[in-house]
Amino acid sequence: MKNKPVTADMYVEDIVEKYPEAVRILTRLGVICIQCGAPVWGTLQEVVEMAGLDIDEVLSEVNDPQ
Protein backbone atom coordinates (compact mmCIF):
# COMPACT_ATOMS: atom_id res chain seq x y z
CA MET A 1 0.00 0.00 0.00
CA LYS A 2 3.00 2.28 -0.20
CA ASN A 3 2.18 3.56 -3.72
CA LYS A 4 -1.01 5.34 -2.74
CA PRO A 5 -1.72 5.07 0.98
CA VAL A 6 -5.10 4.70 2.57
CA THR A 7 -6.40 8.04 3.86
CA ALA A 8 -9.06 8.98 6.40
CA ASP A 9 -11.38 10.43 3.75
CA MET A 10 -11.46 7.28 1.60
CA TYR A 11 -14.69 5.32 1.52
CA VAL A 12 -14.42 1.92 3.12
CA GLU A 13 -15.87 0.32 -0.02
CA ASP A 14 -12.98 1.78 -2.04
CA ILE A 15 -10.42 0.55 0.49
CA VAL A 16 -11.88 -2.96 0.33
CA GLU A 17 -11.74 -2.90 -3.47
CA LYS A 18 -8.31 -1.29 -3.92
CA TYR A 19 -6.53 -2.70 -0.86
CA PRO A 20 -8.14 -6.04 0.00
CA GLU A 21 -5.20 -6.83 2.30
CA ALA A 22 -6.37 -3.98 4.54
CA VAL A 23 -9.59 -5.82 5.38
CA ARG A 24 -7.80 -8.25 7.71
CA ILE A 25 -6.13 -5.37 9.57
CA LEU A 26 -9.30 -3.30 9.86
CA THR A 27 -11.30 -6.31 11.03
CA ARG A 28 -8.67 -7.15 13.66
CA LEU A 29 -8.84 -3.57 14.92
CA GLY A 30 -12.64 -3.79 15.12
CA VAL A 31 -13.13 -1.01 12.59
CA ILE A 32 -15.53 -2.59 10.12
CA CYS A 33 -17.88 -5.51 9.84
CA ILE A 34 -17.45 -6.85 6.31
CA GLN A 35 -19.93 -9.68 6.86
CA CYS A 36 -22.67 -7.50 8.31
CA GLY A 37 -24.04 -6.79 4.84
CA ALA A 38 -24.18 -3.02 5.14
CA PRO A 39 -24.41 -1.57 1.62
CA VAL A 40 -22.30 1.49 2.48
CA TRP A 41 -19.91 1.93 5.37
CA GLY A 42 -18.91 5.59 4.93
CA THR A 43 -15.41 6.99 5.14
CA LEU A 44 -12.65 5.38 7.14
CA GLN A 45 -12.69 8.40 9.46
CA GLU A 46 -16.40 7.86 10.19
CA VAL A 47 -16.14 4.15 10.93
CA VAL A 48 -13.01 4.63 13.03
CA GLU A 49 -14.81 7.23 15.11
CA MET A 50 -17.79 4.89 15.54
CA ALA A 51 -15.38 2.21 16.76
CA GLY A 52 -13.88 4.68 19.25
CA LEU A 53 -10.38 4.38 17.78
CA ASP A 54 -7.72 6.90 16.84
CA ILE A 55 -7.57 7.54 13.09
CA ASP A 56 -3.81 8.15 13.10
CA GLU A 57 -3.16 4.79 14.77
CA VAL A 58 -5.45 2.98 12.33
CA LEU A 59 -3.88 4.66 9.31
CA SER A 60 -0.41 3.80 10.58
CA GLU A 61 -1.39 0.16 11.01
CA VAL A 62 -3.08 -0.10 7.61
CA ASN A 63 -0.43 1.74 5.62
CA ASP A 64 2.58 0.16 7.31
CA PRO A 65 1.58 -3.24 8.72
CA GLN A 66 4.24 -4.87 10.84
PDB file of N, CA and C in Angstrom:
ATOM      1  N   MET A   1       0.814  -1.195   0.000  1.00  0.00           N
ATOM      2  CA  MET A   1       0.000   0.000   0.000  1.00  0.00           C
ATOM      3  C   MET A   1       0.854   1.253   0.000  1.00  0.00           C
ATOM      4  N   LYS A   2       2.105   1.136  -0.244  1.00  0.00           N
ATOM      5  CA  LYS A   2       3.000   2.276  -0.198  1.00  0.00           C
ATOM      6  C   LYS A   2       2.827   3.209  -1.394  1.00  0.00           C
ATOM      7  N   ASN A   3       2.334   2.715  -2.539  1.00  0.00           N
ATOM      8  CA  ASN A   3       2.177   3.558  -3.721  1.00  0.00           C
ATOM      9  C   ASN A   3       1.182   4.686  -3.483  1.00  0.00           C
ATOM     10  N   LYS A   4       0.035   4.357  -2.994  1.00  0.00           N
ATOM     11  CA  LYS A   4      -1.009   5.340  -2.739  1.00  0.00           C
ATOM     12  C   LYS A   4      -1.668   4.943  -1.425  1.00  0.00           C
ATOM     13  N   PRO A   5      -1.240   5.523  -0.322  1.00  0.00           N
ATOM     14  CA  PRO A   5      -1.716   5.071   0.977  1.00  0.00           C
ATOM     15  C   PRO A   5      -3.203   5.322   1.209  1.00  0.00           C
ATOM     16  N   VAL A   6      -3.730   4.530   2.112  1.00  0.00           N
ATOM     17  CA  VAL A   6      -5.102   4.701   2.570  1.00  0.00           C
ATOM     18  C   VAL A   6      -5.159   6.005   3.361  1.00  0.00           C
ATOM     19  N   THR A   7      -6.223   6.777   3.139  1.00  0.00           N
ATOM     20  CA  THR A   7      -6.404   8.036   3.860  1.00  0.00           C
ATOM     21  C   THR A   7      -7.734   8.026   4.601  1.00  0.00           C
ATOM     22  N   ALA A   8      -7.863   8.917   5.559  1.00  0.00           N
ATOM     23  CA  ALA A   8      -9.060   8.983   6.400  1.00  0.00           C
ATOM     24  C   ALA A   8     -10.318   9.289   5.608  1.00  0.00           C
ATOM     25  N   ASP A   9     -10.187  10.031   4.504  1.00  0.00           N
ATOM     26  CA  ASP A   9     -11.379  10.431   3.754  1.00  0.00           C
ATOM     27  C   ASP A   9     -11.794   9.435   2.676  1.00  0.00           C
ATOM     28  N   MET A  10     -11.085   8.324   2.582  1.00  0.00           N
ATOM     29  CA  MET A  10     -11.457   7.284   1.601  1.00  0.00           C
ATOM     30  C   MET A  10     -12.682   6.522   2.098  1.00  0.00           C
ATOM     31  N   TYR A  11     -13.544   6.151   1.154  1.00  0.00           N
ATOM     32  CA  TYR A  11     -14.687   5.325   1.516  1.00  0.00           C
ATOM     33  C   TYR A  11     -14.224   3.896   1.749  1.00  0.00           C
ATOM     34  N   VAL A  12     -14.805   3.282   2.756  1.00  0.00           N
ATOM     35  CA  VAL A  12     -14.421   1.921   3.115  1.00  0.00           C
ATOM     36  C   VAL A  12     -14.594   0.981   1.925  1.00  0.00           C
ATOM     37  N   GLU A  13     -15.647   1.170   1.150  1.00  0.00           N
ATOM     38  CA  GLU A  13     -15.868   0.319  -0.017  1.00  0.00           C
ATOM     39  C   GLU A  13     -14.688   0.394  -0.985  1.00  0.00           C
ATOM     40  N   ASP A  14     -14.133   1.598  -1.148  1.00  0.00           N
ATOM     41  CA  ASP A  14     -12.979   1.779  -2.037  1.00  0.00           C
ATOM     42  C   ASP A  14     -11.731   1.112  -1.468  1.00  0.00           C
ATOM     43  N   ILE A  15     -11.567   1.199  -0.167  1.00  0.00           N
ATOM     44  CA  ILE A  15     -10.421   0.549   0.485  1.00  0.00           C
ATOM     45  C   ILE A  15     -10.504  -0.953   0.288  1.00  0.00           C
ATOM     46  N   VAL A  16     -11.692  -1.519   0.491  1.00  0.00           N
ATOM     47  CA  VAL A  16     -11.883  -2.960   0.326  1.00  0.00           C
ATOM     48  C   VAL A  16     -11.561  -3.379  -1.112  1.00  0.00           C
ATOM     49  N   GLU A  17     -11.975  -2.574  -2.068  1.00  0.00           N
ATOM     50  CA  GLU A  17     -11.744  -2.899  -3.474  1.00  0.00           C
ATOM     51  C   GLU A  17     -10.276  -2.723  -3.873  1.00  0.00           C
ATOM     52  N   LYS A  18      -9.676  -1.614  -3.486  1.00  0.00           N
ATOM     53  CA  LYS A  18      -8.314  -1.289  -3.921  1.00  0.00           C
ATOM     54  C   LYS A  18      -7.230  -1.941  -3.073  1.00  0.00           C
ATOM     55  N   TYR A  19      -7.521  -2.157  -1.797  1.00  0.00           N
ATOM     56  CA  TYR A  19      -6.533  -2.696  -0.864  1.00  0.00           C
ATOM     57  C   TYR A  19      -7.138  -3.848  -0.065  1.00  0.00           C
ATOM     58  N   PRO A  20      -7.471  -4.953  -0.712  1.00  0.00           N
ATOM     59  CA  PRO A  20      -8.135  -6.042   0.004  1.00  0.00           C
ATOM     60  C   PRO A  20      -7.328  -6.563   1.196  1.00  0.00           C
ATOM     61  N   GLU A  21      -6.020  -6.396   1.171  1.00  0.00           N
ATOM     62  CA  GLU A  21      -5.199  -6.834   2.295  1.00  0.00           C
ATOM     63  C   GLU A  21      -5.465  -6.004   3.555  1.00  0.00           C
ATOM     64  N   ALA A  22      -6.054  -4.825   3.399  1.00  0.00           N
ATOM     65  CA  ALA A  22      -6.370  -3.975   4.544  1.00  0.00           C
ATOM     66  C   ALA A  22      -7.560  -4.505   5.339  1.00  0.00           C
ATOM     67  N   VAL A  23      -8.394  -5.310   4.711  1.00  0.00           N
ATOM     68  CA  VAL A  23      -9.594  -5.823   5.379  1.00  0.00           C
ATOM     69  C   VAL A  23      -9.229  -6.602   6.645  1.00  0.00           C
ATOM     70  N   ARG A  24      -8.221  -7.447   6.544  1.00  0.00           N
ATOM     71  CA  ARG A  24      -7.802  -8.246   7.707  1.00  0.00           C
ATOM     72  C   ARG A  24      -7.370  -7.333   8.857  1.00  0.00           C
ATOM     73  N   ILE A  25      -6.620  -6.294   8.543  1.00  0.00           N
ATOM     74  CA  ILE A  25      -6.133  -5.371   9.568  1.00  0.00           C
ATOM     75  C   ILE A  25      -7.295  -4.601  10.190  1.00  0.00           C
ATOM     76  N   LEU A  26      -8.166  -4.065   9.360  1.00  0.00           N
ATOM     77  CA  LEU A  26      -9.303  -3.303   9.865  1.00  0.00           C
ATOM     78  C   LEU A  26     -10.228  -4.174  10.710  1.00  0.00           C
ATOM     79  N   THR A  27     -10.448  -5.391  10.272  1.00  0.00           N
ATOM     80  CA  THR A  27     -11.303  -6.305  11.027  1.00  0.00           C
ATOM     81  C   THR A  27     -10.679  -6.615  12.386  1.00  0.00           C
ATOM     82  N   ARG A  28      -9.378  -6.860  12.384  1.00  0.00           N
ATOM     83  CA  ARG A  28      -8.672  -7.149  13.655  1.00  0.00           C
ATOM     84  C   ARG A  28      -8.785  -5.971  14.616  1.00  0.00           C
ATOM     85  N   LEU A  29      -8.731  -4.760  14.082  1.00  0.00           N
ATOM     86  CA  LEU A  29      -8.841  -3.569  14.925  1.00  0.00           C
ATOM     87  C   LEU A  29     -10.271  -3.290  15.366  1.00  0.00           C
ATOM     88  N   GLY A  30     -11.232  -3.990  14.767  1.00  0.00           N
ATOM     89  CA  GLY A  30     -12.636  -3.789  15.118  1.00  0.00           C
ATOM     90  C   GLY A  30     -13.250  -2.590  14.417  1.00  0.00           C
ATOM     91  N   VAL A  31     -12.679  -2.205  13.294  1.00  0.00           N
ATOM     92  CA  VAL A  31     -13.135  -1.010  12.592  1.00  0.00           C
ATOM     93  C   VAL A  31     -14.369  -1.268  11.750  1.00  0.00           C
ATOM     94  N   ILE A  32     -14.399  -2.354  11.007  1.00  0.00           N
ATOM     95  CA  ILE A  32     -15.528  -2.594  10.119  1.00  0.00           C
ATOM     96  C   ILE A  32     -16.032  -4.014  10.243  1.00  0.00           C
ATOM     97  N   CYS A  33     -17.261  -4.193   9.816  1.00  0.00           N
ATOM     98  CA  CYS A  33     -17.883  -5.513   9.841  1.00  0.00           C
ATOM     99  C   CYS A  33     -18.208  -5.882   8.400  1.00  0.00           C
ATOM    100  N   ILE A  34     -17.263  -6.509   7.715  1.00  0.00           N
ATOM    101  CA  ILE A  34     -17.454  -6.849   6.308  1.00  0.00           C
ATOM    102  C   ILE A  34     -18.643  -7.778   6.119  1.00  0.00           C
ATOM    103  N   GLN A  35     -18.845  -8.716   7.026  1.00  0.00           N
ATOM    104  CA  GLN A  35     -19.925  -9.684   6.862  1.00  0.00           C
ATOM    105  C   GLN A  35     -21.292  -9.170   7.285  1.00  0.00           C
ATOM    106  N   CYS A  36     -21.374  -7.961   7.802  1.00  0.00           N
ATOM    107  CA  CYS A  36     -22.665  -7.499   8.310  1.00  0.00           C
ATOM    108  C   CYS A  36     -23.648  -7.160   7.197  1.00  0.00           C
ATOM    109  N   GLY A  37     -23.157  -7.022   5.967  1.00  0.00           N
ATOM    110  CA  GLY A  37     -24.041  -6.794   4.839  1.00  0.00           C
ATOM    111  C   GLY A  37     -24.459  -5.357   4.625  1.00  0.00           C
ATOM    112  N   ALA A  38     -23.845  -4.422   5.340  1.00  0.00           N
ATOM    113  CA  ALA A  38     -24.179  -3.018   5.141  1.00  0.00           C
ATOM    114  C   ALA A  38     -23.804  -2.606   3.719  1.00  0.00           C
ATOM    115  N   PRO A  39     -24.705  -1.942   3.004  1.00  0.00           N
ATOM    116  CA  PRO A  39     -24.410  -1.575   1.622  1.00  0.00           C
ATOM    117  C   PRO A  39     -23.349  -0.486   1.509  1.00  0.00           C
ATOM    118  N   VAL A  40     -23.282   0.405   2.490  1.00  0.00           N
ATOM    119  CA  VAL A  40     -22.304   1.489   2.484  1.00  0.00           C
ATOM    120  C   VAL A  40     -21.800   1.681   3.907  1.00  0.00           C
ATOM    121  N   TRP A  41     -20.492   1.777   4.028  1.00  0.00           N
ATOM    122  CA  TRP A  41     -19.912   1.929   5.366  1.00  0.00           C
ATOM    123  C   TRP A  41     -19.490   3.355   5.667  1.00  0.00           C
ATOM    124  N   GLY A  42     -19.362   4.229   4.699  1.00  0.00           N
ATOM    125  CA  GLY A  42     -18.907   5.588   4.926  1.00  0.00           C
ATOM    126  C   GLY A  42     -17.401   5.688   4.771  1.00  0.00           C
ATOM    127  N   THR A  43     -16.853   6.807   5.247  1.00  0.00           N
ATOM    128  CA  THR A  43     -15.409   6.986   5.144  1.00  0.00           C
ATOM    129  C   THR A  43     -14.710   6.248   6.274  1.00  0.00           C
ATOM    130  N   LEU A  44     -13.428   6.035   6.081  1.00  0.00           N
ATOM    131  CA  LEU A  44     -12.652   5.379   7.136  1.00  0.00           C
ATOM    132  C   LEU A  44     -12.705   6.211   8.413  1.00  0.00           C
ATOM    133  N   GLN A  45     -12.616   7.523   8.292  1.00  0.00           N
ATOM    134  CA  GLN A  45     -12.691   8.401   9.464  1.00  0.00           C
ATOM    135  C   GLN A  45     -13.986   8.150  10.241  1.00  0.00           C
ATOM    136  N   GLU A  46     -15.098   8.061   9.532  1.00  0.00           N
ATOM    137  CA  GLU A  46     -16.396   7.861  10.189  1.00  0.00           C
ATOM    138  C   GLU A  46     -16.462   6.527  10.916  1.00  0.00           C
ATOM    139  N   VAL A  47     -16.028   5.453  10.270  1.00  0.00           N
ATOM    140  CA  VAL A  47     -16.143   4.145  10.927  1.00  0.00           C
ATOM    141  C   VAL A  47     -15.135   3.998  12.052  1.00  0.00           C
ATOM    142  N   VAL A  48     -13.990   4.654  11.931  1.00  0.00           N
ATOM    143  CA  VAL A  48     -13.007   4.626  13.028  1.00  0.00           C
ATOM    144  C   VAL A  48     -13.570   5.358  14.248  1.00  0.00           C
ATOM    145  N   GLU A  49     -14.196   6.494  14.010  1.00  0.00           N
ATOM    146  CA  GLU A  49     -14.812   7.233  15.114  1.00  0.00           C
ATOM    147  C   GLU A  49     -15.912   6.417  15.781  1.00  0.00           C
ATOM    148  N   MET A  50     -16.728   5.727  14.969  1.00  0.00           N
ATOM    149  CA  MET A  50     -17.788   4.886  15.536  1.00  0.00           C
ATOM    150  C   MET A  50     -17.215   3.758  16.383  1.00  0.00           C
ATOM    151  N   ALA A  51     -16.023   3.278  16.014  1.00  0.00           N
ATOM    152  CA  ALA A  51     -15.379   2.208  16.764  1.00  0.00           C
ATOM    153  C   ALA A  51     -14.632   2.750  17.984  1.00  0.00           C
ATOM    154  N   GLY A  52     -14.557   4.076  18.112  1.00  0.00           N
ATOM    155  CA  GLY A  52     -13.880   4.678  19.251  1.00  0.00           C
ATOM    156  C   GLY A  52     -12.366   4.573  19.188  1.00  0.00           C
ATOM    157  N   LEU A  53     -11.825   4.518  17.962  1.00  0.00           N
ATOM    158  CA  LEU A  53     -10.384   4.375  17.781  1.00  0.00           C
ATOM    159  C   LEU A  53      -9.773   5.667  17.262  1.00  0.00           C
ATOM    160  N   ASP A  54      -8.455   5.744  17.325  1.00  0.00           N
ATOM    161  CA  ASP A  54      -7.715   6.898  16.843  1.00  0.00           C
ATOM    162  C   ASP A  54      -7.378   6.717  15.365  1.00  0.00           C
ATOM    163  N   ILE A  55      -7.765   7.669  14.535  1.00  0.00           N
ATOM    164  CA  ILE A  55      -7.571   7.541  13.092  1.00  0.00           C
ATOM    165  C   ILE A  55      -6.090   7.449  12.730  1.00  0.00           C
ATOM    166  N   ASP A  56      -5.241   8.187  13.416  1.00  0.00           N
ATOM    167  CA  ASP A  56      -3.812   8.149  13.097  1.00  0.00           C
ATOM    168  C   ASP A  56      -3.213   6.769  13.369  1.00  0.00           C
ATOM    169  N   GLU A  57      -3.641   6.139  14.455  1.00  0.00           N
ATOM    170  CA  GLU A  57      -3.160   4.791  14.765  1.00  0.00           C
ATOM    171  C   GLU A  57      -3.650   3.782  13.734  1.00  0.00           C
ATOM    172  N   VAL A  58      -4.892   3.896  13.332  1.00  0.00           N
ATOM    173  CA  VAL A  58      -5.453   2.985  12.334  1.00  0.00           C
ATOM    174  C   VAL A  58      -4.745   3.162  10.995  1.00  0.00           C
ATOM    175  N   LEU A  59      -4.559   4.404  10.575  1.00  0.00           N
ATOM    176  CA  LEU A  59      -3.876   4.656   9.308  1.00  0.00           C
ATOM    177  C   LEU A  59      -2.437   4.127   9.330  1.00  0.00           C
ATOM    178  N   SER A  60      -1.775   4.301  10.448  1.00  0.00           N
ATOM    179  CA  SER A  60      -0.409   3.796  10.577  1.00  0.00           C
ATOM    180  C   SER A  60      -0.384   2.278  10.418  1.00  0.00           C
ATOM    181  N   GLU A  61      -1.307   1.614  11.058  1.00  0.00           N
ATOM    182  CA  GLU A  61      -1.389   0.155  11.009  1.00  0.00           C
ATOM    183  C   GLU A  61      -1.725  -0.339   9.603  1.00  0.00           C
ATOM    184  N   VAL A  62      -2.653   0.321   8.941  1.00  0.00           N
ATOM    185  CA  VAL A  62      -3.081  -0.102   7.609  1.00  0.00           C
ATOM    186  C   VAL A  62      -2.015   0.190   6.559  1.00  0.00           C
ATOM    187  N   ASN A  63      -1.397   1.346   6.639  1.00  0.00           N
ATOM    188  CA  ASN A  63      -0.425   1.738   5.621  1.00  0.00           C
ATOM    189  C   ASN A  63       0.965   1.160   5.834  1.00  0.00           C
ATOM    190  N   ASP A  64       1.256   0.727   7.044  1.00  0.00           N
ATOM    191  CA  ASP A  64       2.578   0.156   7.314  1.00  0.00           C
ATOM    192  C   ASP A  64       2.438  -1.016   8.279  1.00  0.00           C
ATOM    193  N   PRO A  65       1.775  -2.094   7.825  1.00  0.00           N
ATOM    194  CA  PRO A  65       1.580  -3.245   8.715  1.00  0.00           C
ATOM    195  C   PRO A  65       2.916  -3.863   9.105  1.00  0.00           C
ATOM    196  N   GLN A  66       2.994  -4.286  10.322  1.00  0.00           N
ATOM    197  CA  GLN A  66       4.238  -4.872  10.842  1.00  0.00           C
ATOM    198  C   GLN A  66       4.424  -6.285  10.398  1.00  0.00           C
TER     199      GLN A  66
END
